[in-house]
Amino acid sequence: MSTPILWSMCRIPLRKLRKSLYRAVRRPCRWRRLSATLSLGTVSEILANSLFLEADFGLALFHLDHLILERMHHNLGQRPELQQRLTQAVATGSLVAAETTALLYVADLQAHLPFTLEVAPFFRSGQTASGQELEATFTRTILPHLEPEAAGLYATLRHYYEHLPQE
């Protein structure tokens, strides 16, 4: 997936936040890193996971992905602390309230969108039961804690990665 495709997918939920998002992030390297993971890293990650599944390491990959979900769920405990620090920054005047929304959105994207690269190969390889179980766990334990736009972007990316050309 090329970066322009990724940005066109992101543009819908980010349109409202673009100006405050740029001010909040202040370092475009965060966006570059995320876009590199979700575009340049896509091919190698999906290929590696697909090879694992073809080599009958699906159960091991499934277990590893469950460990990733457990770690993500554990890390959600840090989100209230981040929200509290952002609220304090607004109270001291070092941030604008709109910037806190943008920062939480960026944090959600960086922490959780790469999981699409773990789930999509299960659907691509026909192991839909495993993919559905991983996605159900993700949907039940992680998505309710994220910004709504991040959840929508997760579904869009997962669908896109699932339907990438095989060659």
Protein backbone atom coordinates (compact mmCIF):
# COMPACT_ATOMS: atom_id res chain seq x y z
CA MET A 1 0.00 0.00 0.00
CA SER A 2 1.46 3.33 -0.91
CA THR A 3 1.50 6.26 1.46
CA PRO A 4 -0.94 8.32 -0.70
CA ILE A 5 -3.51 5.53 -0.41
CA LEU A 6 -3.02 5.46 3.36
CA TRP A 7 -3.41 9.21 3.61
CA SER A 8 -6.54 9.21 1.48
CA MET A 9 -7.98 6.59 3.84
CA CYS A 10 -7.00 8.69 6.87
CA ARG A 11 -8.27 11.95 5.41
CA ILE A 12 -11.91 11.22 6.19
CA PRO A 13 -11.62 10.99 9.99
CA LEU A 14 -8.73 13.45 10.20
CA ARG A 15 -10.25 16.25 8.16
CA LYS A 16 -11.80 17.88 11.24
CA LEU A 17 -8.61 17.52 13.26
CA ARG A 18 -5.95 18.31 10.66
CA LYS A 19 -4.94 21.79 11.87
CA SER A 20 -4.89 20.98 15.59
CA LEU A 21 -3.38 17.58 14.87
CA TYR A 22 -0.35 19.09 13.18
CA ARG A 23 0.14 21.55 16.03
CA ALA A 24 -0.32 18.81 18.62
CA VAL A 25 2.08 16.37 17.08
CA ARG A 26 4.65 19.05 16.24
CA ARG A 27 6.93 16.36 14.92
CA PRO A 28 5.76 14.87 11.63
CA CYS A 29 8.12 11.92 12.27
CA ARG A 30 5.33 10.25 14.26
CA TRP A 31 3.12 10.28 11.17
CA ARG A 32 6.00 9.11 8.99
CA ARG A 33 6.66 6.20 11.34
CA LEU A 34 2.99 5.20 11.42
CA SER A 35 2.59 5.51 7.66
CA ALA A 36 5.79 3.48 7.14
CA THR A 37 4.47 0.73 9.39
CA LEU A 38 1.09 0.65 7.69
CA SER A 39 2.34 1.02 4.12
CA LEU A 40 5.98 -0.02 3.68
CA GLY A 41 5.90 -2.60 6.46
CA THR A 42 2.64 -4.04 5.22
CA VAL A 43 4.08 -6.22 2.50
CA SER A 44 6.75 -7.82 4.66
CA GLU A 45 4.47 -8.30 7.67
CA ILE A 46 1.60 -9.82 5.71
CA LEU A 47 4.03 -11.98 3.72
CA ALA A 48 5.74 -13.23 6.89
CA ASN A 49 2.46 -14.02 8.61
CA SER A 50 1.09 -15.68 5.47
CA LEU A 51 4.21 -17.87 5.25
CA PHE A 52 3.76 -18.86 8.90
CA LEU A 53 0.18 -19.85 8.18
CA GLU A 54 1.11 -21.81 5.04
CA ALA A 55 3.83 -23.65 6.97
CA ASP A 56 1.26 -24.85 9.53
CA PHE A 57 2.44 -22.47 12.24
CA GLY A 58 -1.04 -20.99 12.44
CA LEU A 59 -1.60 -22.11 16.01
CA ALA A 60 1.68 -20.53 17.13
CA LEU A 61 0.86 -17.30 15.30
CA PHE A 62 -2.64 -17.32 16.78
CA HIS A 63 -1.15 -17.74 20.29
CA LEU A 64 1.35 -14.94 19.64
CA ASP A 65 -1.45 -12.65 18.48
CA HIS A 66 -3.37 -13.42 21.68
CA LEU A 67 -0.29 -12.37 23.65
CA ILE A 68 -0.21 -9.15 21.63
CA LEU A 69 -3.87 -8.56 22.51
CA GLU A 70 -3.15 -9.16 26.20
CA ARG A 71 -0.28 -6.64 26.07
CA MET A 72 -2.48 -4.08 24.29
CA HIS A 73 -5.21 -4.58 26.89
CA HIS A 74 -2.67 -4.16 29.68
CA ASN A 75 -1.32 -0.98 28.05
CA LEU A 76 -4.82 0.53 27.96
CA GLY A 77 -4.28 1.10 31.68
CA GLN A 78 -1.85 3.87 30.73
CA ARG A 79 -4.47 5.74 28.72
CA PRO A 80 -6.14 7.44 31.74
CA GLU A 81 -2.71 8.66 32.83
CA LEU A 82 -2.13 10.11 29.37
CA GLN A 83 -5.57 11.76 29.47
CA GLN A 84 -4.80 13.19 32.91
CA ARG A 85 -1.46 14.62 31.74
CA LEU A 86 -3.13 16.15 28.70
CA THR A 87 -5.85 17.67 30.90
CA GLN A 88 -3.15 19.15 33.14
CA ALA A 89 -1.39 20.56 30.08
CA VAL A 90 -4.65 22.23 29.01
CA ALA A 91 -5.12 23.61 32.53
CA THR A 92 -1.62 25.12 32.49
CA GLY A 93 -2.17 26.56 29.03
CA SER A 94 0.54 24.57 27.27
CA LEU A 95 -2.05 22.73 25.13
CA VAL A 96 -5.37 23.62 23.57
CA ALA A 97 -8.25 21.22 24.27
CA ALA A 98 -8.51 20.30 20.56
CA GLU A 99 -4.85 19.24 20.65
CA THR A 100 -5.57 16.70 23.38
CA THR A 101 -8.15 15.03 21.15
CA ALA A 102 -5.62 14.91 18.34
CA LEU A 103 -2.90 13.47 20.56
CA LEU A 104 -5.21 10.76 21.89
CA TYR A 105 -6.18 9.94 18.33
CA VAL A 106 -2.54 9.64 17.24
CA ALA A 107 -1.76 7.47 20.27
CA ASP A 108 -4.67 5.17 19.41
CA LEU A 109 -3.52 4.87 15.80
CA GLN A 110 0.10 4.13 16.71
CA ALA A 111 -0.76 1.60 19.38
CA HIS A 112 -3.56 -0.34 17.72
CA LEU A 113 -3.73 -0.01 13.92
CA PRO A 114 -0.72 -2.29 13.33
CA PHE A 115 -2.84 -5.15 14.72
CA THR A 116 -4.61 -5.15 11.35
CA LEU A 117 -1.41 -6.67 9.96
CA GLU A 118 -1.77 -9.57 12.39
CA VAL A 119 -5.43 -10.32 11.71
CA ALA A 120 -5.65 -9.89 7.93
CA PRO A 121 -3.43 -12.89 7.03
CA PHE A 122 -5.83 -15.25 8.81
CA PHE A 123 -8.66 -14.05 6.60
CA ARG A 124 -6.44 -14.08 3.49
CA SER A 125 -5.39 -17.69 4.10
CA GLY A 126 -8.94 -18.93 4.66
CA GLN A 127 -8.50 -19.41 8.42
CA THR A 128 -11.44 -17.15 9.08
CA ALA A 129 -12.41 -18.76 12.41
CA SER A 130 -9.05 -17.77 13.92
CA GLY A 131 -9.23 -14.31 12.36
CA GLN A 132 -12.77 -13.81 13.62
CA GLU A 133 -11.82 -14.90 17.14
CA LEU A 134 -8.85 -12.51 17.24
CA GLU A 135 -10.94 -9.70 15.85
CA ALA A 136 -13.80 -10.42 18.28
CA THR A 137 -11.37 -10.22 21.20
CA PHE A 138 -9.90 -7.00 19.80
CA THR A 139 -13.38 -5.55 19.25
CA ARG A 140 -14.56 -6.51 22.73
CA THR A 141 -11.48 -5.58 24.79
CA ILE A 142 -9.67 -2.82 22.88
CA LEU A 143 -11.93 -0.88 20.50
CA PRO A 144 -14.37 0.43 23.14
CA HIS A 145 -11.47 2.34 24.73
CA LEU A 146 -10.32 4.06 21.53
CA GLU A 147 -11.39 7.18 19.74
CA PRO A 148 -14.31 6.26 17.42
CA GLU A 149 -12.43 7.38 14.30
CA ALA A 150 -9.58 4.97 15.11
CA ALA A 151 -12.04 2.10 15.29
CA GLY A 152 -13.45 2.98 11.88
CA LEU A 153 -9.99 3.24 10.38
CA TYR A 154 -9.07 -0.16 11.85
CA ALA A 155 -11.98 -1.80 10.01
CA THR A 156 -11.09 -0.03 6.75
CA LEU A 157 -7.44 -1.05 6.89
CA ARG A 158 -8.17 -4.64 7.88
CA HIS A 159 -10.54 -4.99 4.94
CA TYR A 160 -7.99 -3.42 2.60
CA TYR A 161 -5.16 -5.70 3.79
CA GLU A 162 -7.39 -8.75 3.53
CA HIS A 163 -8.04 -8.00 -0.13
CA LEU A 164 -4.51 -7.08 -1.24
CA PRO A 165 -3.53 -8.82 -4.48
CA GLN A 166 -1.81 -12.17 -3.88
CA GLU A 167 1.10 -11.53 -6.24
